[in-house]
Amino acid sequence: MNRKEAKRILSQTLGQFRSRSYAELVQMINVEPVVEDRIGPGGRKYQIEIQIFWDDKTGGDIRVMGSVDDGGLRAFIPLAADFIKSPADEFIGE
């Protein structure tokens, strides 16, 4: 897996979720994970999975976690990244 390419694809995908409001993200909690296939610039196919859940307690911060792999051995240990958004639409820990 091309780590640089995979990180870029994951960052772009998480960026789409970062731009959503807290209220929009709340609507996505307890829904099946978002799973997408993307083709990287080098032609390799990557699978991205995004999960959205309460970080600590219902009504509090929301964690959005993404992972990416190419279906090879990295499928067992995918690259991952996440962010946390507060009810005030602010990012936590950044």
PDB file of N, CA and C in Angstrom:
ATOM      1  N   MET A   1       0.853  -1.182   0.000  1.00  0.00           N
ATOM      2  CA  MET A   1       0.000   0.000   0.000  1.00  0.00           C
ATOM      3  C   MET A   1       0.892   1.236   0.000  1.00  0.00           C
ATOM      4  N   ASN A   2       0.529   2.192  -0.772  1.00  0.00           N
ATOM      5  CA  ASN A   2       1.239   3.458  -0.803  1.00  0.00           C
ATOM      6  C   ASN A   2       0.697   4.312   0.352  1.00  0.00           C
ATOM      7  N   ARG A   3       1.450   4.379   1.443  1.00  0.00           N
ATOM      8  CA  ARG A   3       0.977   5.060   2.659  1.00  0.00           C
ATOM      9  C   ARG A   3       0.641   6.532   2.414  1.00  0.00           C
ATOM     10  N   LYS A   4       1.484   7.202   1.640  1.00  0.00           N
ATOM     11  CA  LYS A   4       1.253   8.621   1.371  1.00  0.00           C
ATOM     12  C   LYS A   4      -0.070   8.811   0.619  1.00  0.00           C
ATOM     13  N   GLU A   5      -0.297   8.000  -0.382  1.00  0.00           N
ATOM     14  CA  GLU A   5      -1.523   8.074  -1.160  1.00  0.00           C
ATOM     15  C   GLU A   5      -2.737   7.727  -0.285  1.00  0.00           C
ATOM     16  N   ALA A   6      -2.622   6.677   0.529  1.00  0.00           N
ATOM     17  CA  ALA A   6      -3.715   6.254   1.405  1.00  0.00           C
ATOM     18  C   ALA A   6      -4.050   7.338   2.429  1.00  0.00           C
ATOM     19  N   LYS A   7      -3.030   7.954   3.026  1.00  0.00           N
ATOM     20  CA  LYS A   7      -3.259   9.035   4.001  1.00  0.00           C
ATOM     21  C   LYS A   7      -3.975  10.216   3.354  1.00  0.00           C
ATOM     22  N   ARG A   8      -3.577  10.549   2.137  1.00  0.00           N
ATOM     23  CA  ARG A   8      -4.198  11.664   1.426  1.00  0.00           C
ATOM     24  C   ARG A   8      -5.684  11.365   1.151  1.00  0.00           C
ATOM     25  N   ILE A   9      -5.981  10.162   0.717  1.00  0.00           N
ATOM     26  CA  ILE A   9      -7.365   9.770   0.439  1.00  0.00           C
ATOM     27  C   ILE A   9      -8.188   9.796   1.720  1.00  0.00           C
ATOM     28  N   LEU A  10      -7.632   9.279   2.810  1.00  0.00           N
ATOM     29  CA  LEU A  10      -8.355   9.288   4.085  1.00  0.00           C
ATOM     30  C   LEU A  10      -8.580  10.714   4.569  1.00  0.00           C
ATOM     31  N   SER A  11      -7.569  11.562   4.449  1.00  0.00           N
ATOM     32  CA  SER A  11      -7.690  12.958   4.873  1.00  0.00           C
ATOM     33  C   SER A  11      -8.774  13.683   4.072  1.00  0.00           C
ATOM     34  N   GLN A  12      -8.811  13.453   2.768  1.00  0.00           N
ATOM     35  CA  GLN A  12      -9.830  14.082   1.929  1.00  0.00           C
ATOM     36  C   GLN A  12     -11.232  13.621   2.331  1.00  0.00           C
ATOM     37  N   THR A  13     -11.366  12.339   2.597  1.00  0.00           N
ATOM     38  CA  THR A  13     -12.673  11.801   2.977  1.00  0.00           C
ATOM     39  C   THR A  13     -13.110  12.343   4.336  1.00  0.00           C
ATOM     40  N   LEU A  14     -12.204  12.331   5.314  1.00  0.00           N
ATOM     41  CA  LEU A  14     -12.549  12.887   6.625  1.00  0.00           C
ATOM     42  C   LEU A  14     -12.871  14.375   6.523  1.00  0.00           C
ATOM     43  N   GLY A  15     -12.218  15.080   5.608  1.00  0.00           N
ATOM     44  CA  GLY A  15     -12.487  16.502   5.400  1.00  0.00           C
ATOM     45  C   GLY A  15     -13.936  16.753   5.024  1.00  0.00           C
ATOM     46  N   GLN A  16     -14.529  15.839   4.276  1.00  0.00           N
ATOM     47  CA  GLN A  16     -15.937  15.972   3.911  1.00  0.00           C
ATOM     48  C   GLN A  16     -16.824  15.902   5.151  1.00  0.00           C
ATOM     49  N   PHE A  17     -16.429  15.101   6.128  1.00  0.00           N
ATOM     50  CA  PHE A  17     -17.208  14.976   7.354  1.00  0.00           C
ATOM     51  C   PHE A  17     -16.899  16.121   8.322  1.00  0.00           C
ATOM     52  N   ARG A  18     -15.670  16.617   8.300  1.00  0.00           N
ATOM     53  CA  ARG A  18     -15.297  17.756   9.155  1.00  0.00           C
ATOM     54  C   ARG A  18     -16.125  18.992   8.818  1.00  0.00           C
ATOM     55  N   SER A  19     -16.510  19.116   7.554  1.00  0.00           N
ATOM     56  CA  SER A  19     -17.272  20.292   7.138  1.00  0.00           C
ATOM     57  C   SER A  19     -18.752  20.209   7.530  1.00  0.00           C
ATOM     58  N   ARG A  20     -19.193  19.063   7.990  1.00  0.00           N
ATOM     59  CA  ARG A  20     -20.594  18.916   8.408  1.00  0.00           C
ATOM     60  C   ARG A  20     -20.777  19.469   9.813  1.00  0.00           C
ATOM     61  N   SER A  21     -21.973  19.947  10.065  1.00  0.00           N
ATOM     62  CA  SER A  21     -22.263  20.498  11.392  1.00  0.00           C
ATOM     63  C   SER A  21     -22.443  19.371  12.408  1.00  0.00           C
ATOM     64  N   TYR A  22     -22.371  19.741  13.661  1.00  0.00           N
ATOM     65  CA  TYR A  22     -22.621  18.800  14.746  1.00  0.00           C
ATOM     66  C   TYR A  22     -23.988  18.148  14.559  1.00  0.00           C
ATOM     67  N   ALA A  23     -25.007  18.961  14.240  1.00  0.00           N
ATOM     68  CA  ALA A  23     -26.370  18.434  14.064  1.00  0.00           C
ATOM     69  C   ALA A  23     -26.423  17.404  12.938  1.00  0.00           C
ATOM     70  N   GLU A  24     -25.706  17.645  11.850  1.00  0.00           N
ATOM     71  CA  GLU A  24     -25.677  16.680  10.746  1.00  0.00           C
ATOM     72  C   GLU A  24     -25.005  15.383  11.174  1.00  0.00           C
ATOM     73  N   LEU A  25     -23.922  15.500  11.931  1.00  0.00           N
ATOM     74  CA  LEU A  25     -23.212  14.309  12.400  1.00  0.00           C
ATOM     75  C   LEU A  25     -24.060  13.502  13.369  1.00  0.00           C
ATOM     76  N   VAL A  26     -24.827  14.193  14.225  1.00  0.00           N
ATOM     77  CA  VAL A  26     -25.708  13.490  15.168  1.00  0.00           C
ATOM     78  C   VAL A  26     -26.654  12.562  14.405  1.00  0.00           C
ATOM     79  N   GLN A  27     -27.162  13.024  13.281  1.00  0.00           N
ATOM     80  CA  GLN A  27     -28.094  12.220  12.472  1.00  0.00           C
ATOM     81  C   GLN A  27     -27.438  10.950  11.925  1.00  0.00           C
ATOM     82  N   MET A  28     -26.126  10.912  11.916  1.00  0.00           N
ATOM     83  CA  MET A  28     -25.411   9.768  11.355  1.00  0.00           C
ATOM     84  C   MET A  28     -24.954   8.759  12.401  1.00  0.00           C
ATOM     85  N   ILE A  29     -25.196   9.075  13.681  1.00  0.00           N
ATOM     86  CA  ILE A  29     -24.820   8.157  14.759  1.00  0.00           C
ATOM     87  C   ILE A  29     -25.763   6.958  14.718  1.00  0.00           C
ATOM     88  N   ASN A  30     -25.220   5.785  15.023  1.00  0.00           N
ATOM     89  CA  ASN A  30     -25.964   4.525  15.048  1.00  0.00           C
ATOM     90  C   ASN A  30     -26.475   4.113  13.679  1.00  0.00           C
ATOM     91  N   VAL A  31     -25.870   4.642  12.642  1.00  0.00           N
ATOM     92  CA  VAL A  31     -26.148   4.220  11.275  1.00  0.00           C
ATOM     93  C   VAL A  31     -24.979   3.336  10.870  1.00  0.00           C
ATOM     94  N   GLU A  32     -25.195   2.467   9.915  1.00  0.00           N
ATOM     95  CA  GLU A  32     -24.101   1.618   9.438  1.00  0.00           C
ATOM     96  C   GLU A  32     -22.900   2.480   9.055  1.00  0.00           C
ATOM     97  N   PRO A  33     -21.687   1.959   9.242  1.00  0.00           N
ATOM     98  CA  PRO A  33     -20.509   2.727   8.826  1.00  0.00           C
ATOM     99  C   PRO A  33     -20.587   3.089   7.341  1.00  0.00           C
ATOM    100  N   VAL A  34     -20.023   4.214   6.998  1.00  0.00           N
ATOM    101  CA  VAL A  34     -19.934   4.627   5.598  1.00  0.00           C
ATOM    102  C   VAL A  34     -18.721   3.913   5.013  1.00  0.00           C
ATOM    103  N   VAL A  35     -18.939   3.141   3.969  1.00  0.00           N
ATOM    104  CA  VAL A  35     -17.852   2.405   3.326  1.00  0.00           C
ATOM    105  C   VAL A  35     -17.809   2.823   1.861  1.00  0.00           C
ATOM    106  N   GLU A  36     -16.631   3.241   1.418  1.00  0.00           N
ATOM    107  CA  GLU A  36     -16.461   3.703   0.040  1.00  0.00           C
ATOM    108  C   GLU A  36     -15.182   3.117  -0.541  1.00  0.00           C
ATOM    109  N   ASP A  37     -15.215   2.850  -1.825  1.00  0.00           N
ATOM    110  CA  ASP A  37     -14.013   2.467  -2.547  1.00  0.00           C
ATOM    111  C   ASP A  37     -13.543   3.676  -3.341  1.00  0.00           C
ATOM    112  N   ARG A  38     -12.255   3.896  -3.330  1.00  0.00           N
ATOM    113  CA  ARG A  38     -11.656   4.995  -4.097  1.00  0.00           C
ATOM    114  C   ARG A  38     -10.443   4.468  -4.844  1.00  0.00           C
ATOM    115  N   ILE A  39     -10.223   5.038  -5.985  1.00  0.00           N
ATOM    116  CA  ILE A  39      -9.022   4.713  -6.761  1.00  0.00           C
ATOM    117  C   ILE A  39      -8.036   5.859  -6.566  1.00  0.00           C
ATOM    118  N   GLY A  40      -6.835   5.523  -6.102  1.00  0.00           N
ATOM    119  CA  GLY A  40      -5.811   6.537  -5.886  1.00  0.00           C
ATOM    120  C   GLY A  40      -5.174   6.964  -7.195  1.00  0.00           C
ATOM    121  N   PRO A  41      -4.420   8.067  -7.152  1.00  0.00           N
ATOM    122  CA  PRO A  41      -3.754   8.565  -8.357  1.00  0.00           C
ATOM    123  C   PRO A  41      -2.839   7.527  -9.011  1.00  0.00           C
ATOM    124  N   GLY A  42      -2.315   6.617  -8.210  1.00  0.00           N
ATOM    125  CA  GLY A  42      -1.439   5.577  -8.748  1.00  0.00           C
ATOM    126  C   GLY A  42      -2.192   4.386  -9.315  1.00  0.00           C
ATOM    127  N   GLY A  43      -3.539   4.435  -9.270  1.00  0.00           N
ATOM    128  CA  GLY A  43      -4.349   3.358  -9.821  1.00  0.00           C
ATOM    129  C   GLY A  43      -4.736   2.277  -8.833  1.00  0.00           C
ATOM    130  N   ARG A  44      -4.235   2.371  -7.606  1.00  0.00           N
ATOM    131  CA  ARG A  44      -4.553   1.365  -6.588  1.00  0.00           C
ATOM    132  C   ARG A  44      -5.930   1.637  -5.997  1.00  0.00           C
ATOM    133  N   LYS A  45      -6.657   0.558  -5.714  1.00  0.00           N
ATOM    134  CA  LYS A  45      -7.991   0.671  -5.112  1.00  0.00           C
ATOM    135  C   LYS A  45      -7.862   0.643  -3.583  1.00  0.00           C
ATOM    136  N   TYR A  46      -8.552   1.583  -2.935  1.00  0.00           N
ATOM    137  CA  TYR A  46      -8.563   1.671  -1.477  1.00  0.00           C
ATOM    138  C   TYR A  46      -9.997   1.601  -0.969  1.00  0.00           C
ATOM    139  N   GLN A  47     -10.166   1.010   0.200  1.00  0.00           N
ATOM    140  CA  GLN A  47     -11.470   1.007   0.854  1.00  0.00           C
ATOM    141  C   GLN A  47     -11.373   1.892   2.094  1.00  0.00           C
ATOM    142  N   ILE A  48     -12.319   2.816   2.202  1.00  0.00           N
ATOM    143  CA  ILE A  48     -12.381   3.730   3.332  1.00  0.00           C
ATOM    144  C   ILE A  48     -13.624   3.396   4.144  1.00  0.00           C
ATOM    145  N   GLU A  49     -13.482   3.373   5.451  1.00  0.00           N
ATOM    146  CA  GLU A  49     -14.627   3.159   6.343  1.00  0.00           C
ATOM    147  C   GLU A  49     -14.673   4.303   7.347  1.00  0.00           C
ATOM    148  N   ILE A  50     -15.850   4.915   7.471  1.00  0.00           N
ATOM    149  CA  ILE A  50     -16.051   6.020   8.413  1.00  0.00           C
ATOM    150  C   ILE A  50     -17.106   5.598   9.422  1.00  0.00           C
ATOM    151  N   GLN A  51     -16.792   5.742  10.702  1.00  0.00           N
ATOM    152  CA  GLN A  51     -17.740   5.449  11.785  1.00  0.00           C
ATOM    153  C   GLN A  51     -17.945   6.718  12.590  1.00  0.00           C
ATOM    154  N   ILE A  52     -19.194   6.948  12.992  1.00  0.00           N
ATOM    155  CA  ILE A  52     -19.545   8.146  13.765  1.00  0.00           C
ATOM    156  C   ILE A  52     -20.265   7.689  15.024  1.00  0.00           C
ATOM    157  N   PHE A  53     -19.770   8.135  16.182  1.00  0.00           N
ATOM    158  CA  PHE A  53     -20.375   7.699  17.438  1.00  0.00           C
ATOM    159  C   PHE A  53     -20.121   8.725  18.530  1.00  0.00           C
ATOM    160  N   TRP A  54     -20.897   8.598  19.615  1.00  0.00           N
ATOM    161  CA  TRP A  54     -20.689   9.476  20.773  1.00  0.00           C
ATOM    162  C   TRP A  54     -19.318   9.172  21.336  1.00  0.00           C
ATOM    163  N   ASP A  55     -18.560  10.199  21.663  1.00  0.00           N
ATOM    164  CA  ASP A  55     -17.214   9.991  22.179  1.00  0.00           C
ATOM    165  C   ASP A  55     -17.239   9.492  23.615  1.00  0.00           C
ATOM    166  N   ASP A  56     -18.123  10.042  24.422  1.00  0.00           N
ATOM    167  CA  ASP A  56     -18.166   9.662  25.828  1.00  0.00           C
ATOM    168  C   ASP A  56     -19.590   9.364  26.272  1.00  0.00           C
ATOM    169  N   LYS A  57     -20.485  10.325  26.053  1.00  0.00           N
ATOM    170  CA  LYS A  57     -21.868  10.136  26.501  1.00  0.00           C
ATOM    171  C   LYS A  57     -22.829  10.721  25.475  1.00  0.00           C
ATOM    172  N   THR A  58     -24.020  10.197  25.454  1.00  0.00           N
ATOM    173  CA  THR A  58     -25.056  10.677  24.540  1.00  0.00           C
ATOM    174  C   THR A  58     -25.293  12.165  24.750  1.00  0.00           C
ATOM    175  N   GLY A  59     -25.314  12.906  23.652  1.00  0.00           N
ATOM    176  CA  GLY A  59     -25.527  14.350  23.714  1.00  0.00           C
ATOM    177  C   GLY A  59     -24.259  15.155  23.882  1.00  0.00           C
ATOM    178  N   GLY A  60     -23.136  14.467  24.008  1.00  0.00           N
ATOM    179  CA  GLY A  60     -21.857  15.154  24.190  1.00  0.00           C
ATOM    180  C   GLY A  60     -21.085  15.251  22.885  1.00  0.00           C
ATOM    181  N   ASP A  61     -19.775  15.133  23.014  1.00  0.00           N
ATOM    182  CA  ASP A  61     -18.908  15.206  21.845  1.00  0.00           C
ATOM    183  C   ASP A  61     -19.130  14.006  20.928  1.00  0.00           C
ATOM    184  N   ILE A  62     -18.847  14.218  19.654  1.00  0.00           N
ATOM    185  CA  ILE A  62     -18.975  13.170  18.647  1.00  0.00           C
ATOM    186  C   ILE A  62     -17.590  12.867  18.093  1.00  0.00           C
ATOM    187  N   ARG A  63     -17.288  11.580  17.981  1.00  0.00           N
ATOM    188  CA  ARG A  63     -16.028  11.163  17.361  1.00  0.00           C
ATOM    189  C   ARG A  63     -16.339  10.612  15.972  1.00  0.00           C
ATOM    190  N   VAL A  64     -15.558  11.059  14.998  1.00  0.00           N
ATOM    191  CA  VAL A  64     -15.647  10.556  13.639  1.00  0.00           C
ATOM    192  C   VAL A  64     -14.310   9.880  13.352  1.00  0.00           C
ATOM    193  N   MET A  65     -14.358   8.576  13.098  1.00  0.00           N
ATOM    194  CA  MET A  65     -13.146   7.799  12.920  1.00  0.00           C
ATOM    195  C   MET A  65     -13.142   7.184  11.526  1.00  0.00           C
ATOM    196  N   GLY A  66     -12.019   7.315  10.844  1.00  0.00           N
ATOM    197  CA  GLY A  66     -11.888   6.752   9.516  1.00  0.00           C
ATOM    198  C   GLY A  66     -10.698   5.833   9.419  1.00  0.00           C
ATOM    199  N   SER A  67     -10.820   4.838   8.554  1.00  0.00           N
ATOM    200  CA  SER A  67      -9.700   3.935   8.300  1.00  0.00           C
ATOM    201  C   SER A  67      -9.636   3.652   6.803  1.00  0.00           C
ATOM    202  N   VAL A  68      -8.453   3.296   6.342  1.00  0.00           N
ATOM    203  CA  VAL A  68      -8.256   3.019   4.920  1.00  0.00           C
ATOM    204  C   VAL A  68      -7.294   1.841   4.771  1.00  0.00           C
ATOM    205  N   ASP A  69      -7.583   0.984   3.796  1.00  0.00           N
ATOM    206  CA  ASP A  69      -6.685  -0.109   3.460  1.00  0.00           C
ATOM    207  C   ASP A  69      -6.828  -0.412   1.972  1.00  0.00           C
ATOM    208  N   ASP A  70      -5.922  -1.232   1.473  1.00  0.00           N
ATOM    209  CA  ASP A  70      -5.951  -1.573   0.046  1.00  0.00           C
ATOM    210  C   ASP A  70      -6.363  -3.023  -0.182  1.00  0.00           C
ATOM    211  N   GLY A  71      -6.910  -3.664   0.840  1.00  0.00           N
ATOM    212  CA  GLY A  71      -7.357  -5.043   0.703  1.00  0.00           C
ATOM    213  C   GLY A  71      -6.252  -6.071   0.907  1.00  0.00           C
ATOM    214  N   GLY A  72      -5.026  -5.606   1.028  1.00  0.00           N
ATOM    215  CA  GLY A  72      -3.904  -6.514   1.272  1.00  0.00           C
ATOM    216  C   GLY A  72      -3.757  -6.748   2.773  1.00  0.00           C
ATOM    217  N   LEU A  73      -2.533  -6.944   3.201  1.00  0.00           N
ATOM    218  CA  LEU A  73      -2.268  -7.180   4.621  1.00  0.00           C
ATOM    219  C   LEU A  73      -2.700  -6.007   5.496  1.00  0.00           C
ATOM    220  N   ARG A  74      -2.697  -4.788   4.929  1.00  0.00           N
ATOM    221  CA  ARG A  74      -3.111  -3.607   5.711  1.00  0.00           C
ATOM    222  C   ARG A  74      -4.582  -3.682   6.109  1.00  0.00           C
ATOM    223  N   ALA A  75      -5.355  -4.574   5.517  1.00  0.00           N
ATOM    224  CA  ALA A  75      -6.754  -4.729   5.910  1.00  0.00           C
ATOM    225  C   ALA A  75      -6.844  -5.176   7.371  1.00  0.00           C
ATOM    226  N   PHE A  76      -5.804  -5.859   7.863  1.00  0.00           N
ATOM    227  CA  PHE A  76      -5.785  -6.299   9.256  1.00  0.00           C
ATOM    228  C   PHE A  76      -5.360  -5.179  10.198  1.00  0.00           C
ATOM    229  N   ILE A  77      -4.577  -4.241   9.696  1.00  0.00           N
ATOM    230  CA  ILE A  77      -4.125  -3.087  10.479  1.00  0.00           C
ATOM    231  C   ILE A  77      -4.192  -1.867   9.563  1.00  0.00           C
ATOM    232  N   PRO A  78      -5.400  -1.317   9.349  1.00  0.00           N
ATOM    233  CA  PRO A  78      -5.534  -0.188   8.420  1.00  0.00           C
ATOM    234  C   PRO A  78      -4.961   1.099   9.006  1.00  0.00           C
ATOM    235  N   LEU A  79      -4.661   2.032   8.121  1.00  0.00           N
ATOM    236  CA  LEU A  79      -4.303   3.379   8.567  1.00  0.00           C
ATOM    237  C   LEU A  79      -5.576   4.015   9.115  1.00  0.00           C
ATOM    238  N   ALA A  80      -5.457   4.759  10.190  1.00  0.00           N
ATOM    239  CA  ALA A  80      -6.648   5.352  10.804  1.00  0.00           C
ATOM    240  C   ALA A  80      -6.384   6.793  11.220  1.00  0.00           C
ATOM    241  N   ALA A  81      -7.467   7.562  11.278  1.00  0.00           N
ATOM    242  CA  ALA A  81      -7.423   8.945  11.755  1.00  0.00           C
ATOM    243  C   ALA A  81      -8.815   9.269  12.277  1.00  0.00           C
ATOM    244  N   ASP A  82      -8.892  10.290  13.121  1.00  0.00           N
ATOM    245  CA  ASP A  82     -10.194  10.673  13.654  1.00  0.00           C
ATOM    246  C   ASP A  82     -10.196  12.138  14.054  1.00  0.00           C
ATOM    247  N   PHE A  83     -11.392  12.619  14.390  1.00  0.00           N
ATOM    248  CA  PHE A  83     -11.538  13.940  14.985  1.00  0.00           C
ATOM    249  C   PHE A  83     -12.742  13.902  15.908  1.00  0.00           C
ATOM    250  N   ILE A  84     -12.782  14.879  16.821  1.00  0.00           N
ATOM    251  CA  ILE A  84     -13.892  14.995  17.769  1.00  0.00           C
ATOM    252  C   ILE A  84     -14.500  16.375  17.605  1.00  0.00           C
ATOM    253  N   LYS A  85     -15.839  16.413  17.558  1.00  0.00           N
ATOM    254  CA  LYS A  85     -16.560  17.678  17.418  1.00  0.00           C
ATOM    255  C   LYS A  85     -17.500  17.840  18.606  1.00  0.00           C
ATOM    256  N   SER A  86     -17.509  19.037  19.171  1.00  0.00           N
ATOM    257  CA  SER A  86     -18.358  19.333  20.339  1.00  0.00           C
ATOM    258  C   SER A  86     -19.733  19.806  19.909  1.00  0.00           C
ATOM    259  N   PRO A  87     -20.689  19.822  20.847  1.00  0.00           N
ATOM    260  CA  PRO A  87     -22.018  20.365  20.532  1.00  0.00           C
ATOM    261  C   PRO A  87     -21.969  21.831  20.080  1.00  0.00           C
ATOM    262  N   ALA A  88     -20.890  22.550  20.413  1.00  0.00           N
ATOM    263  CA  ALA A  88     -20.727  23.948  19.999  1.00  0.00           C
ATOM    264  C   ALA A  88     -20.110  24.040  18.595  1.00  0.00           C
ATOM    265  N   ASP A  89     -20.024  22.910  17.883  1.00  0.00           N
ATOM    266  CA  ASP A  89     -19.442  22.841  16.540  1.00  0.00           C
ATOM    267  C   ASP A  89     -17.962  23.201  16.529  1.00  0.00           C
ATOM    268  N   GLU A  90     -17.265  22.895  17.619  1.00  0.00           N
ATOM    269  CA  GLU A  90     -15.832  23.150  17.704  1.00  0.00           C
ATOM    270  C   GLU A  90     -15.088  21.812  17.732  1.00  0.00           C
ATOM    271  N   PHE A  91     -13.860  21.811  17.196  1.00  0.00           N
ATOM    272  CA  PHE A  91     -13.054  20.615  17.208  1.00  0.00           C
ATOM    273  C   PHE A  91     -12.316  20.532  18.531  1.00  0.00           C
ATOM    274  N   ILE A  92     -12.273  19.341  19.098  1.00  0.00           N
ATOM    275  CA  ILE A  92     -11.656  19.115  20.404  1.00  0.00           C
ATOM    276  C   ILE A  92     -10.238  18.566  20.210  1.00  0.00           C
ATOM    277  N   GLY A  93      -9.293  19.093  20.973  1.00  0.00           N
ATOM    278  CA  GLY A  93      -7.930  18.584  20.969  1.00  0.00           C
ATOM    279  C   GLY A  93      -7.099  18.974  19.765  1.00  0.00           C
ATOM    280  N   GLU A  94      -7.493  20.018  19.073  1.00  0.00           N
ATOM    281  CA  GLU A  94      -6.712  20.427  17.900  1.00  0.00           C
ATOM    282  C   GLU A  94      -6.151  21.811  18.099  1.00  0.00           C
TER     283      GLU A  94
END
